[in-house]
PDB file of N, CA and C in Angstrom:
ATOM      1  N   UNK A   1     -20.725  -7.740 -35.326  1.00  0.00           N
ATOM      2  CA  UNK A   1     -19.737  -8.761 -34.905  1.00  0.00           C
ATOM      3  C   UNK A   1     -18.344  -8.182 -34.684  1.00  0.00           C
ATOM      4  N   UNK A   2     -18.000  -7.216 -35.538  1.00  0.00           N
ATOM      5  CA  UNK A   2     -16.687  -6.611 -35.509  1.00  0.00           C
ATOM      6  C   UNK A   2     -16.450  -5.883 -34.123  1.00  0.00           C
ATOM      7  N   UNK A   3     -17.507  -5.153 -33.635  1.00  0.00           N
ATOM      8  CA  UNK A   3     -17.423  -4.463 -32.367  1.00  0.00           C
ATOM      9  C   UNK A   3     -17.193  -5.425 -31.219  1.00  0.00           C
ATOM     10  N   UNK A   4     -17.834  -6.575 -31.294  1.00  0.00           N
ATOM     11  CA  UNK A   4     -17.700  -7.572 -30.234  1.00  0.00           C
ATOM     12  C   UNK A   4     -16.245  -8.113 -30.223  1.00  0.00           C
ATOM     13  N   UNK A   5     -15.686  -8.277 -31.380  1.00  0.00           N
ATOM     14  CA  UNK A   5     -14.294  -8.749 -31.439  1.00  0.00           C
ATOM     15  C   UNK A   5     -13.310  -7.721 -30.839  1.00  0.00           C
ATOM     16  N   UNK A   6     -13.600  -6.425 -31.087  1.00  0.00           N
ATOM     17  CA  UNK A   6     -12.764  -5.367 -30.504  1.00  0.00           C
ATOM     18  C   UNK A   6     -12.888  -5.314 -29.002  1.00  0.00           C
ATOM     19  N   UNK A   7     -14.121  -5.528 -28.488  1.00  0.00           N
ATOM     20  CA  UNK A   7     -14.332  -5.513 -27.049  1.00  0.00           C
ATOM     21  C   UNK A   7     -13.571  -6.658 -26.367  1.00  0.00           C
ATOM     22  N   UNK A   8     -13.513  -7.794 -27.036  1.00  0.00           N
ATOM     23  CA  UNK A   8     -12.796  -8.955 -26.490  1.00  0.00           C
ATOM     24  C   UNK A   8     -11.339  -8.631 -26.376  1.00  0.00           C
ATOM     25  N   UNK A   9     -10.734  -7.892 -27.358  1.00  0.00           N
ATOM     26  CA  UNK A   9      -9.322  -7.536 -27.333  1.00  0.00           C
ATOM     27  C   UNK A   9      -9.014  -6.633 -26.185  1.00  0.00           C
ATOM     28  N   UNK A  10      -9.947  -5.816 -25.745  1.00  0.00           N
ATOM     29  CA  UNK A  10      -9.723  -4.909 -24.561  1.00  0.00           C
ATOM     30  C   UNK A  10      -9.329  -5.701 -23.318  1.00  0.00           C
ATOM     31  N   UNK A  11      -9.996  -6.852 -23.141  1.00  0.00           N
ATOM     32  CA  UNK A  11      -9.749  -7.634 -21.937  1.00  0.00           C
ATOM     33  C   UNK A  11      -8.716  -8.763 -22.137  1.00  0.00           C
ATOM     34  N   UNK A  12      -7.999  -8.721 -23.266  1.00  0.00           N
ATOM     35  CA  UNK A  12      -7.004  -9.690 -23.565  1.00  0.00           C
ATOM     36  C   UNK A  12      -5.792  -9.515 -22.633  1.00  0.00           C
ATOM     37  N   UNK A  13      -5.303 -10.561 -22.087  1.00  0.00           N
ATOM     38  CA  UNK A  13      -4.122 -10.487 -21.182  1.00  0.00           C
ATOM     39  C   UNK A  13      -2.873 -10.592 -22.000  1.00  0.00           C
ATOM     40  N   UNK A  14      -1.846  -9.801 -21.589  1.00  0.00           N
ATOM     41  CA  UNK A  14      -0.518  -9.863 -22.223  1.00  0.00           C
ATOM     42  C   UNK A  14       0.467 -10.044 -21.072  1.00  0.00           C
ATOM     43  N   UNK A  15       1.545 -10.724 -21.380  1.00  0.00           N
ATOM     44  CA  UNK A  15       2.575 -10.919 -20.402  1.00  0.00           C
ATOM     45  C   UNK A  15       3.716  -9.938 -20.602  1.00  0.00           C
ATOM     46  N   UNK A  16       4.316  -9.523 -19.492  1.00  0.00           N
ATOM     47  CA  UNK A  16       5.375  -8.572 -19.539  1.00  0.00           C
ATOM     48  C   UNK A  16       6.496  -9.021 -18.597  1.00  0.00           C
ATOM     49  N   UNK A  17       7.696  -8.970 -19.129  1.00  0.00           N
ATOM     50  CA  UNK A  17       8.891  -9.316 -18.265  1.00  0.00           C
ATOM     51  C   UNK A  17       9.633  -7.946 -18.060  1.00  0.00           C
ATOM     52  N   UNK A  18       9.745  -7.576 -16.801  1.00  0.00           N
ATOM     53  CA  UNK A  18      10.446  -6.353 -16.439  1.00  0.00           C
ATOM     54  C   UNK A  18      11.695  -6.686 -15.716  1.00  0.00           C
ATOM     55  N   UNK A  19      12.831  -6.273 -16.210  1.00  0.00           N
ATOM     56  CA  UNK A  19      14.149  -6.574 -15.608  1.00  0.00           C
ATOM     57  C   UNK A  19      14.905  -5.300 -15.413  1.00  0.00           C
ATOM     58  N   UNK A  20      15.452  -5.107 -14.224  1.00  0.00           N
ATOM     59  CA  UNK A  20      16.256  -3.903 -13.962  1.00  0.00           C
ATOM     60  C   UNK A  20      17.729  -4.235 -14.176  1.00  0.00           C
ATOM     61  N   UNK A  21      18.394  -3.259 -14.761  1.00  0.00           N
ATOM     62  CA  UNK A  21      19.831  -3.400 -15.052  1.00  0.00           C
ATOM     63  C   UNK A  21      20.512  -2.200 -14.399  1.00  0.00           C
ATOM     64  N   UNK A  22      21.573  -2.476 -13.690  1.00  0.00           N
ATOM     65  CA  UNK A  22      22.336  -1.328 -13.093  1.00  0.00           C
ATOM     66  C   UNK A  22      23.456  -0.913 -14.073  1.00  0.00           C
ATOM     67  N   UNK A  23      24.339  -0.079 -13.621  1.00  0.00           N
ATOM     68  CA  UNK A  23      25.383   0.482 -14.505  1.00  0.00           C
ATOM     69  C   UNK A  23      26.727  -0.225 -14.349  1.00  0.00           C
ATOM     70  N   UNK A  24      26.713  -1.344 -13.726  1.00  0.00           N
ATOM     71  CA  UNK A  24      27.997  -2.120 -13.543  1.00  0.00           C
ATOM     72  C   UNK A  24      28.413  -2.700 -14.912  1.00  0.00           C
ATOM     73  N   UNK A  25      29.708  -2.905 -15.165  1.00  0.00           N
ATOM     74  CA  UNK A  25      30.168  -3.445 -16.443  1.00  0.00           C
ATOM     75  C   UNK A  25      29.495  -4.813 -16.745  1.00  0.00           C
ATOM     76  N   UNK A  26      29.413  -5.692 -15.728  1.00  0.00           N
ATOM     77  CA  UNK A  26      28.815  -6.994 -15.951  1.00  0.00           C
ATOM     78  C   UNK A  26      27.349  -6.882 -16.348  1.00  0.00           C
ATOM     79  N   UNK A  27      26.629  -5.982 -15.718  1.00  0.00           N
ATOM     80  CA  UNK A  27      25.228  -5.782 -16.018  1.00  0.00           C
ATOM     81  C   UNK A  27      25.075  -5.219 -17.418  1.00  0.00           C
ATOM     82  N   UNK A  28      25.942  -4.312 -17.800  1.00  0.00           N
ATOM     83  CA  UNK A  28      25.862  -3.764 -19.187  1.00  0.00           C
ATOM     84  C   UNK A  28      26.129  -4.861 -20.268  1.00  0.00           C
ATOM     85  N   UNK A  29      27.073  -5.740 -19.946  1.00  0.00           N
ATOM     86  CA  UNK A  29      27.333  -6.856 -20.880  1.00  0.00           C
ATOM     87  C   UNK A  29      26.121  -7.764 -21.030  1.00  0.00           C
ATOM     88  N   UNK A  30      25.561  -8.107 -19.819  1.00  0.00           N
ATOM     89  CA  UNK A  30      24.389  -9.002 -19.834  1.00  0.00           C
ATOM     90  C   UNK A  30      23.187  -8.307 -20.546  1.00  0.00           C
ATOM     91  N   UNK A  31      23.057  -7.027 -20.434  1.00  0.00           N
ATOM     92  CA  UNK A  31      22.009  -6.282 -21.062  1.00  0.00           C
ATOM     93  C   UNK A  31      22.194  -6.375 -22.606  1.00  0.00           C
ATOM     94  N   UNK A  32      23.365  -6.132 -23.075  1.00  0.00           N
ATOM     95  CA  UNK A  32      23.604  -6.272 -24.543  1.00  0.00           C
ATOM     96  C   UNK A  32      23.394  -7.664 -25.025  1.00  0.00           C
ATOM     97  N   UNK A  33      23.823  -8.641 -24.226  1.00  0.00           N
ATOM     98  CA  UNK A  33      23.615 -10.046 -24.610  1.00  0.00           C
ATOM     99  C   UNK A  33      22.112 -10.382 -24.687  1.00  0.00           C
ATOM    100  N   UNK A  34      21.327  -9.897 -23.733  1.00  0.00           N
ATOM    101  CA  UNK A  34      19.871 -10.144 -23.733  1.00  0.00           C
ATOM    102  C   UNK A  34      19.216  -9.493 -24.958  1.00  0.00           C
ATOM    103  N   UNK A  35      19.654  -8.271 -25.303  1.00  0.00           N
ATOM    104  CA  UNK A  35      19.112  -7.608 -26.478  1.00  0.00           C
ATOM    105  C   UNK A  35      19.423  -8.402 -27.719  1.00  0.00           C
ATOM    106  N   UNK A  36      20.641  -8.905 -27.858  1.00  0.00           N
ATOM    107  CA  UNK A  36      21.029  -9.703 -29.048  1.00  0.00           C
ATOM    108  C   UNK A  36      20.171 -10.957 -29.128  1.00  0.00           C
ATOM    109  N   UNK A  37      19.920 -11.600 -28.020  1.00  0.00           N
ATOM    110  CA  UNK A  37      19.109 -12.795 -28.019  1.00  0.00           C
ATOM    111  C   UNK A  37      17.641 -12.528 -28.415  1.00  0.00           C
ATOM    112  N   UNK A  38      17.133 -11.413 -27.903  1.00  0.00           N
ATOM    113  CA  UNK A  38      15.768 -11.008 -28.266  1.00  0.00           C
ATOM    114  C   UNK A  38      15.667 -10.714 -29.774  1.00  0.00           C
ATOM    115  N   UNK A  39      16.637 -10.036 -30.253  1.00  0.00           N
ATOM    116  CA  UNK A  39      16.617  -9.726 -31.701  1.00  0.00           C
ATOM    117  C   UNK A  39      16.796 -10.999 -32.513  1.00  0.00           C
ATOM    118  N   UNK A  40      17.656 -11.896 -32.086  1.00  0.00           N
ATOM    119  CA  UNK A  40      17.893 -13.158 -32.842  1.00  0.00           C
ATOM    120  C   UNK A  40      16.584 -13.985 -32.873  1.00  0.00           C
ATOM    121  N   UNK A  41      15.851 -13.997 -31.807  1.00  0.00           N
ATOM    122  CA  UNK A  41      14.598 -14.768 -31.688  1.00  0.00           C
ATOM    123  C   UNK A  41      13.397 -13.976 -32.316  1.00  0.00           C
ATOM    124  N   UNK A  42      13.656 -12.779 -32.708  1.00  0.00           N
ATOM    125  CA  UNK A  42      12.622 -11.902 -33.365  1.00  0.00           C
ATOM    126  C   UNK A  42      11.485 -11.665 -32.337  1.00  0.00           C
ATOM    127  N   UNK A  43      11.850 -11.408 -31.097  1.00  0.00           N
ATOM    128  CA  UNK A  43      10.862 -11.128 -30.041  1.00  0.00           C
ATOM    129  C   UNK A  43      10.791  -9.616 -29.901  1.00  0.00           C
ATOM    130  N   UNK A  44       9.609  -9.030 -29.999  1.00  0.00           N
ATOM    131  CA  UNK A  44       9.464  -7.571 -29.814  1.00  0.00           C
ATOM    132  C   UNK A  44       9.749  -7.167 -28.350  1.00  0.00           C
ATOM    133  N   UNK A  45      10.434  -6.027 -28.199  1.00  0.00           N
ATOM    134  CA  UNK A  45      10.740  -5.566 -26.869  1.00  0.00           C
ATOM    135  C   UNK A  45      10.837  -4.008 -26.906  1.00  0.00           C
ATOM    136  N   UNK A  46      10.750  -3.411 -25.743  1.00  0.00           N
ATOM    137  CA  UNK A  46      10.829  -1.966 -25.576  1.00  0.00           C
ATOM    138  C   UNK A  46      11.818  -1.696 -24.467  1.00  0.00           C
ATOM    139  N   UNK A  47      12.721  -0.769 -24.677  1.00  0.00           N
ATOM    140  CA  UNK A  47      13.684  -0.377 -23.677  1.00  0.00           C
ATOM    141  C   UNK A  47      13.210   0.896 -23.039  1.00  0.00           C
ATOM    142  N   UNK A  48      13.064   0.915 -21.703  1.00  0.00           N
ATOM    143  CA  UNK A  48      12.612   2.052 -21.001  1.00  0.00           C
ATOM    144  C   UNK A  48      13.637   2.424 -19.947  1.00  0.00           C
ATOM    145  N   UNK A  49      14.054   3.671 -19.913  1.00  0.00           N
ATOM    146  CA  UNK A  49      15.017   4.110 -18.888  1.00  0.00           C
ATOM    147  C   UNK A  49      14.329   4.985 -17.914  1.00  0.00           C
ATOM    148  N   UNK A  50      14.588   4.818 -16.665  1.00  0.00           N
ATOM    149  CA  UNK A  50      13.979   5.601 -15.594  1.00  0.00           C
ATOM    150  C   UNK A  50      15.068   6.181 -14.703  1.00  0.00           C
ATOM    151  N   UNK A  51      14.885   7.365 -14.219  1.00  0.00           N
ATOM    152  CA  UNK A  51      15.763   7.980 -13.255  1.00  0.00           C
ATOM    153  C   UNK A  51      15.196   7.820 -11.855  1.00  0.00           C
ATOM    154  N   UNK A  52      16.008   7.488 -10.924  1.00  0.00           N
ATOM    155  CA  UNK A  52      15.447   7.274  -9.560  1.00  0.00           C
ATOM    156  C   UNK A  52      14.942   8.568  -8.936  1.00  0.00           C
ATOM    157  N   UNK A  53      15.493   9.728  -9.415  1.00  0.00           N
ATOM    158  CA  UNK A  53      15.031  10.983  -8.830  1.00  0.00           C
ATOM    159  C   UNK A  53      13.526  11.251  -9.097  1.00  0.00           C
ATOM    160  N   UNK A  54      13.022  10.735 -10.226  1.00  0.00           N
ATOM    161  CA  UNK A  54      11.600  10.969 -10.519  1.00  0.00           C
ATOM    162  C   UNK A  54      10.727  10.167  -9.530  1.00  0.00           C
ATOM    163  N   UNK A  55      11.142   9.030  -9.124  1.00  0.00           N
ATOM    164  CA  UNK A  55      10.379   8.247  -8.098  1.00  0.00           C
ATOM    165  C   UNK A  55      10.434   8.996  -6.776  1.00  0.00           C
ATOM    166  N   UNK A  56      11.520   9.577  -6.415  1.00  0.00           N
ATOM    167  CA  UNK A  56      11.688  10.341  -5.187  1.00  0.00           C
ATOM    168  C   UNK A  56      10.777  11.582  -5.233  1.00  0.00           C
ATOM    169  N   UNK A  57      10.770  12.231  -6.419  1.00  0.00           N
ATOM    170  CA  UNK A  57       9.918  13.408  -6.593  1.00  0.00           C
ATOM    171  C   UNK A  57       8.430  13.070  -6.414  1.00  0.00           C
ATOM    172  N   UNK A  58       8.000  11.971  -6.943  1.00  0.00           N
ATOM    173  CA  UNK A  58       6.642  11.497  -6.769  1.00  0.00           C
ATOM    174  C   UNK A  58       6.294  11.307  -5.324  1.00  0.00           C
ATOM    175  N   UNK A  59       7.159  10.684  -4.579  1.00  0.00           N
ATOM    176  CA  UNK A  59       6.895  10.436  -3.137  1.00  0.00           C
ATOM    177  C   UNK A  59       6.872  11.721  -2.370  1.00  0.00           C
ATOM    178  N   UNK A  60       7.774  12.655  -2.662  1.00  0.00           N
ATOM    179  CA  UNK A  60       7.776  13.937  -2.041  1.00  0.00           C
ATOM    180  C   UNK A  60       6.491  14.730  -2.311  1.00  0.00           C
ATOM    181  N   UNK A  61       6.091  14.711  -3.551  1.00  0.00           N
ATOM    182  CA  UNK A  61       4.843  15.426  -3.949  1.00  0.00           C
ATOM    183  C   UNK A  61       3.614  14.876  -3.211  1.00  0.00           C
ATOM    184  N   UNK A  62       3.544  13.569  -3.185  1.00  0.00           N
ATOM    185  CA  UNK A  62       2.403  12.914  -2.438  1.00  0.00           C
ATOM    186  C   UNK A  62       2.421  13.253  -0.965  1.00  0.00           C
ATOM    187  N   UNK A  63       3.635  13.187  -0.365  1.00  0.00           N
ATOM    188  CA  UNK A  63       3.715  13.541   1.051  1.00  0.00           C
ATOM    189  C   UNK A  63       3.343  14.987   1.298  1.00  0.00           C
ATOM    190  N   UNK A  64       3.821  15.905   0.483  1.00  0.00           N
ATOM    191  CA  UNK A  64       3.450  17.289   0.569  1.00  0.00           C
ATOM    192  C   UNK A  64       1.970  17.500   0.453  1.00  0.00           C
ATOM    193  N   UNK A  65       1.369  16.834  -0.530  1.00  0.00           N
ATOM    194  CA  UNK A  65      -0.044  16.926  -0.779  1.00  0.00           C
ATOM    195  C   UNK A  65      -0.881  16.452   0.402  1.00  0.00           C
ATOM    196  N   UNK A  66      -0.480  15.353   0.989  1.00  0.00           N
ATOM    197  CA  UNK A  66      -1.194  14.773   2.159  1.00  0.00           C
ATOM    198  C   UNK A  66      -1.079  15.743   3.311  1.00  0.00           C
ATOM    199  N   UNK A  67       0.093  16.250   3.577  1.00  0.00           N
ATOM    200  CA  UNK A  67       0.308  17.160   4.723  1.00  0.00           C
ATOM    201  C   UNK A  67      -0.524  18.479   4.572  1.00  0.00           C
ATOM    202  N   UNK A  68      -0.490  19.035   3.349  1.00  0.00           N
ATOM    203  CA  UNK A  68      -1.238  20.261   3.105  1.00  0.00           C
ATOM    204  C   UNK A  68      -2.770  20.011   3.216  1.00  0.00           C
ATOM    205  N   UNK A  69      -3.222  18.884   2.669  1.00  0.00           N
ATOM    206  CA  UNK A  69      -4.668  18.551   2.797  1.00  0.00           C
ATOM    207  C   UNK A  69      -5.062  18.363   4.250  1.00  0.00           C
ATOM    208  N   UNK A  70      -4.197  17.773   5.035  1.00  0.00           N
ATOM    209  CA  UNK A  70      -4.523  17.550   6.472  1.00  0.00           C
ATOM    210  C   UNK A  70      -4.552  18.891   7.191  1.00  0.00           C
ATOM    211  N   UNK A  71      -3.615  19.775   6.912  1.00  0.00           N
ATOM    212  CA  UNK A  71      -3.641  21.085   7.539  1.00  0.00           C
ATOM    213  C   UNK A  71      -4.942  21.889   7.148  1.00  0.00           C
ATOM    214  N   UNK A  72      -5.312  21.805   5.913  1.00  0.00           N
ATOM    215  CA  UNK A  72      -6.536  22.450   5.449  1.00  0.00           C
ATOM    216  C   UNK A  72      -7.769  21.892   6.128  1.00  0.00           C
ATOM    217  N   UNK A  73      -7.774  20.575   6.202  1.00  0.00           N
ATOM    218  CA  UNK A  73      -8.929  19.916   6.891  1.00  0.00           C
ATOM    219  C   UNK A  73      -9.059  20.301   8.339  1.00  0.00           C
ATOM    220  N   UNK A  74      -7.916  20.320   9.049  1.00  0.00           N
ATOM    221  CA  UNK A  74      -7.921  20.707  10.449  1.00  0.00           C
ATOM    222  C   UNK A  74      -8.367  22.172  10.597  1.00  0.00           C
ATOM    223  N   UNK A  75      -7.912  23.022   9.718  1.00  0.00           N
ATOM    224  CA  UNK A  75      -8.312  24.448   9.764  1.00  0.00           C
ATOM    225  C   UNK A  75      -9.797  24.586   9.583  1.00  0.00           C
ATOM    226  N   UNK A  76     -10.379  23.887   8.644  1.00  0.00           N
ATOM    227  CA  UNK A  76     -11.843  23.923   8.404  1.00  0.00           C
ATOM    228  C   UNK A  76     -12.571  23.401   9.607  1.00  0.00           C
ATOM    229  N   UNK A  77     -12.110  22.319  10.179  1.00  0.00           N
ATOM    230  CA  UNK A  77     -12.813  21.753  11.390  1.00  0.00           C
ATOM    231  C   UNK A  77     -12.751  22.732  12.510  1.00  0.00           C
ATOM    232  N   UNK A  78     -11.589  23.364  12.782  1.00  0.00           N
ATOM    233  CA  UNK A  78     -11.478  24.369  13.836  1.00  0.00           C
ATOM    234  C   UNK A  78     -12.352  25.562  13.565  1.00  0.00           C
ATOM    235  N   UNK A  79     -12.442  26.021  12.325  1.00  0.00           N
ATOM    236  CA  UNK A  79     -13.316  27.139  11.980  1.00  0.00           C
ATOM    237  C   UNK A  79     -14.752  26.786  12.263  1.00  0.00           C
ATOM    238  N   UNK A  80     -15.188  25.572  11.924  1.00  0.00           N
ATOM    239  CA  UNK A  80     -16.570  25.185  12.176  1.00  0.00           C
ATOM    240  C   UNK A  80     -16.860  25.088  13.661  1.00  0.00           C
ATOM    241  N   UNK A  81     -15.873  24.586  14.441  1.00  0.00           N
ATOM    242  CA  UNK A  81     -16.068  24.538  15.868  1.00  0.00           C
ATOM    243  C   UNK A  81     -16.159  25.838  16.538  1.00  0.00           C
ATOM    244  N   UNK A  82     -15.480  26.835  15.977  1.00  0.00           N
ATOM    245  CA  UNK A  82     -15.475  28.184  16.539  1.00  0.00           C
ATOM    246  C   UNK A  82     -16.301  29.167  15.717  1.00  0.00           C
ATOM    247  N   UNK A  83     -17.263  28.682  14.978  1.00  0.00           N
ATOM    248  CA  UNK A  83     -18.104  29.522  14.107  1.00  0.00           C
ATOM    249  C   UNK A  83     -18.875  30.544  14.896  1.00  0.00           C
ATOM    250  N   UNK A  84     -19.352  30.171  16.061  1.00  0.00           N
ATOM    251  CA  UNK A  84     -20.134  31.101  16.853  1.00  0.00           C
ATOM    252  C   UNK A  84     -19.297  32.289  17.344  1.00  0.00           C
ATOM    253  N   UNK A  85     -18.072  31.988  17.769  1.00  0.00           N
ATOM    254  CA  UNK A  85     -17.148  33.118  18.157  1.00  0.00           C
ATOM    255  C   UNK A  85     -16.805  34.010  17.005  1.00  0.00           C
ATOM    256  N   UNK A  86     -16.593  33.423  15.812  1.00  0.00           N
ATOM    257  CA  UNK A  86     -16.251  34.197  14.626  1.00  0.00           C
ATOM    258  C   UNK A  86     -17.451  35.130  14.245  1.00  0.00           C
ATOM    259  N   UNK A  87     -18.639  34.548  14.314  1.00  0.00           N
ATOM    260  CA  UNK A  87     -19.852  35.300  13.960  1.00  0.00           C
ATOM    261  C   UNK A  87     -20.068  36.436  14.964  1.00  0.00           C
ATOM    262  N   UNK A  88     -19.808  36.207  16.264  1.00  0.00           N
ATOM    263  CA  UNK A  88     -19.929  37.289  17.266  1.00  0.00           C
ATOM    264  C   UNK A  88     -18.922  38.428  16.976  1.00  0.00           C
ATOM    265  N   UNK A  89     -17.737  38.119  16.608  1.00  0.00           N
ATOM    266  CA  UNK A  89     -16.740  39.120  16.274  1.00  0.00           C
ATOM    267  C   UNK A  89     -17.165  39.932  15.081  1.00  0.00           C
ATOM    268  N   UNK A  90     -17.718  39.278  14.063  1.00  0.00           N
ATOM    269  CA  UNK A  90     -18.125  39.965  12.860  1.00  0.00           C
ATOM    270  C   UNK A  90     -19.390  40.851  13.099  1.00  0.00           C
ATOM    271  N   UNK A  91     -20.263  40.420  13.975  1.00  0.00           N
ATOM    272  CA  UNK A  91     -21.488  41.205  14.208  1.00  0.00           C
ATOM    273  C   UNK A  91     -21.225  42.413  15.161  1.00  0.00           C
ATOM    274  N   UNK A  92     -20.203  42.347  15.982  1.00  0.00           N
ATOM    275  CA  UNK A  92     -19.872  43.419  16.869  1.00  0.00           C
ATOM    276  C   UNK A  92     -19.273  44.600  16.142  1.00  0.00           C
ATOM    277  N   UNK A  93     -18.602  44.371  15.061  1.00  0.00           N
ATOM    278  CA  UNK A  93     -17.923  45.449  14.365  1.00  0.00           C
ATOM    279  C   UNK A  93     -18.855  46.411  13.693  1.00  0.00           C
TER     280      UNK A  93
END
């Protein structure tokens, strides 16, 4: 019975509120005010900081990967289409 209860918890839904705060003075004040309210209400929360450069890095890496994979795929297709010519060159030597 205990394993069944654990399996049910795996599919349990939780709600998440994600709010972005910029570095403006008003936004910083509102952020501190929101933290105080969450603490006063004894609501658990997690503060996560992200740098925008990491998102840009992910996009660049994915673009680079797609371009390189495409070049590799085109090279393999061209090699297969010209396999007879390549084999003739190798057998003549």
